[in-house]
Amino acid sequence: MYVNAQRVKVTQIAFPENISAQVYSQGAYASKGQNTTTNARDGVFSDGVDDELATVTGSAGSGLTASLTIGISV
């Protein structure tokens, strides 16, 4: 994210494990099997996902909506 042409925030979004499992069981992902990189095993989230965990509604079969509020100090 940029403010006045200066980068102020870089992050990744984590998804709840049960949501990842739903997605990996659908469509093109289903033939690949489940994701073996859990949030806990992902180096980016080694300190936890408290600040990056999205809130997800819906279902993988009919569509998901994810939201995450990111605080920026300027």
C-alpha atoms as a PDB file:
ATOM      1  CA  MET A   1       0.000   0.000   0.000  1.00  0.00           C
ATOM      2  CA  TYR A   2       1.243   3.457  -0.856  1.00  0.00           C
ATOM      3  CA  VAL A   3       0.553   6.834   0.763  1.00  0.00           C
ATOM      4  CA  ASN A   4       1.860   9.902  -1.079  1.00  0.00           C
ATOM      5  CA  ALA A   5       3.898   7.621  -3.377  1.00  0.00           C
ATOM      6  CA  GLN A   6       5.685   6.039  -0.381  1.00  0.00           C
ATOM      7  CA  ARG A   7       5.230   2.371   0.466  1.00  0.00           C
ATOM      8  CA  VAL A   8       3.811   2.105   3.987  1.00  0.00           C
ATOM      9  CA  LYS A   9       2.550  -1.478   4.242  1.00  0.00           C
ATOM     10  CA  VAL A  10       3.281  -4.858   2.688  1.00  0.00           C
ATOM     11  CA  THR A  11       1.416  -7.914   3.930  1.00  0.00           C
ATOM     12  CA  GLN A  12      -0.102 -11.237   3.002  1.00  0.00           C
ATOM     13  CA  ILE A  13      -3.559 -12.492   3.851  1.00  0.00           C
ATOM     14  CA  ALA A  14      -4.022 -15.732   5.767  1.00  0.00           C
ATOM     15  CA  PHE A  15      -7.194 -17.773   5.394  1.00  0.00           C
ATOM     16  CA  PRO A  16      -8.753 -20.012   8.036  1.00  0.00           C
ATOM     17  CA  GLU A  17      -7.619 -23.625   7.577  1.00  0.00           C
ATOM     18  CA  ASN A  18     -11.194 -24.882   7.175  1.00  0.00           C
ATOM     19  CA  ILE A  19     -11.718 -22.436   4.297  1.00  0.00           C
ATOM     20  CA  SER A  20      -8.512 -23.568   2.595  1.00  0.00           C
ATOM     21  CA  ALA A  21      -9.710 -27.178   2.918  1.00  0.00           C
ATOM     22  CA  GLN A  22     -13.049 -26.233   1.301  1.00  0.00           C
ATOM     23  CA  VAL A  23     -11.327 -24.515  -1.619  1.00  0.00           C
ATOM     24  CA  TYR A  24      -8.884 -27.381  -2.176  1.00  0.00           C
ATOM     25  CA  SER A  25     -11.796 -29.824  -2.392  1.00  0.00           C
ATOM     26  CA  GLN A  26     -13.475 -27.938  -5.275  1.00  0.00           C
ATOM     27  CA  GLY A  27     -13.043 -27.689  -9.040  1.00  0.00           C
ATOM     28  CA  ALA A  28      -9.531 -27.621 -10.474  1.00  0.00           C
ATOM     29  CA  TYR A  29      -7.971 -27.795  -7.001  1.00  0.00           C
ATOM     30  CA  ALA A  30      -9.639 -31.110  -6.094  1.00  0.00           C
ATOM     31  CA  SER A  31      -7.341 -33.187  -8.321  1.00  0.00           C
ATOM     32  CA  LYS A  32      -4.264 -31.671  -6.647  1.00  0.00           C
ATOM     33  CA  GLY A  33      -5.143 -32.850  -3.136  1.00  0.00           C
ATOM     34  CA  GLN A  34      -5.143 -30.772   0.019  1.00  0.00           C
ATOM     35  CA  ASN A  35      -2.659 -27.971   0.578  1.00  0.00           C
ATOM     36  CA  THR A  36       0.258 -29.232   2.670  1.00  0.00           C
ATOM     37  CA  THR A  37       1.356 -25.751   3.779  1.00  0.00           C
ATOM     38  CA  THR A  38      -0.750 -24.795   6.756  1.00  0.00           C
ATOM     39  CA  ASN A  39      -0.653 -21.306   8.225  1.00  0.00           C
ATOM     40  CA  ALA A  40       1.476 -22.649  11.080  1.00  0.00           C
ATOM     41  CA  ARG A  41       4.012 -24.121   8.614  1.00  0.00           C
ATOM     42  CA  ASP A  42       4.111 -21.047   6.354  1.00  0.00           C
ATOM     43  CA  GLY A  43       7.253 -19.021   7.068  1.00  0.00           C
ATOM     44  CA  VAL A  44       5.409 -15.743   6.509  1.00  0.00           C
ATOM     45  CA  PHE A  45       3.036 -16.518   9.370  1.00  0.00           C
ATOM     46  CA  SER A  46       5.561 -18.105  11.727  1.00  0.00           C
ATOM     47  CA  ASP A  47       4.740 -15.415  14.304  1.00  0.00           C
ATOM     48  CA  GLY A  48       0.998 -16.115  14.035  1.00  0.00           C
ATOM     49  CA  VAL A  49      -1.876 -14.865  11.925  1.00  0.00           C
ATOM     50  CA  ASP A  50      -3.588 -12.517  14.371  1.00  0.00           C
ATOM     51  CA  ASP A  51      -3.032  -9.461  12.177  1.00  0.00           C
ATOM     52  CA  GLU A  52      -3.437 -11.178   8.775  1.00  0.00           C
ATOM     53  CA  LEU A  53      -6.325 -13.637   9.202  1.00  0.00           C
ATOM     54  CA  ALA A  54      -9.235 -12.807   6.905  1.00  0.00           C
ATOM     55  CA  THR A  55     -12.856 -13.163   7.916  1.00  0.00           C
ATOM     56  CA  VAL A  56     -14.496 -15.357   5.298  1.00  0.00           C
ATOM     57  CA  THR A  57     -18.188 -15.889   4.606  1.00  0.00           C
ATOM     58  CA  GLY A  58     -19.948 -18.131   2.102  1.00  0.00           C
ATOM     59  CA  SER A  59     -18.822 -21.521   0.844  1.00  0.00           C
ATOM     60  CA  ALA A  60     -16.317 -22.705  -1.729  1.00  0.00           C
ATOM     61  CA  GLY A  61     -19.098 -24.263  -3.807  1.00  0.00           C
ATOM     62  CA  SER A  62     -21.168 -21.087  -4.157  1.00  0.00           C
ATOM     63  CA  GLY A  63     -18.605 -18.354  -3.586  1.00  0.00           C
ATOM     64  CA  LEU A  64     -16.562 -16.848  -0.788  1.00  0.00           C
ATOM     65  CA  THR A  65     -16.116 -13.293   0.417  1.00  0.00           C
ATOM     66  CA  ALA A  66     -13.032 -12.401   2.452  1.00  0.00           C
ATOM     67  CA  SER A  67     -12.434  -9.233   4.422  1.00  0.00           C
ATOM     68  CA  LEU A  68      -9.462  -7.938   6.366  1.00  0.00           C
ATOM     69  CA  THR A  69      -8.984  -4.562   7.984  1.00  0.00           C
ATOM     70  CA  ILE A  70      -5.398  -3.354   7.769  1.00  0.00           C
ATOM     71  CA  GLY A  71      -4.298  -0.485   9.983  1.00  0.00           C
ATOM     72  CA  ILE A  72      -1.940   2.117   8.570  1.00  0.00           C
ATOM     73  CA  SER A  73      -0.270   4.816  10.658  1.00  0.00           C
ATOM     74  CA  VAL A  74       0.401   7.975   8.666  1.00  0.00           C
END
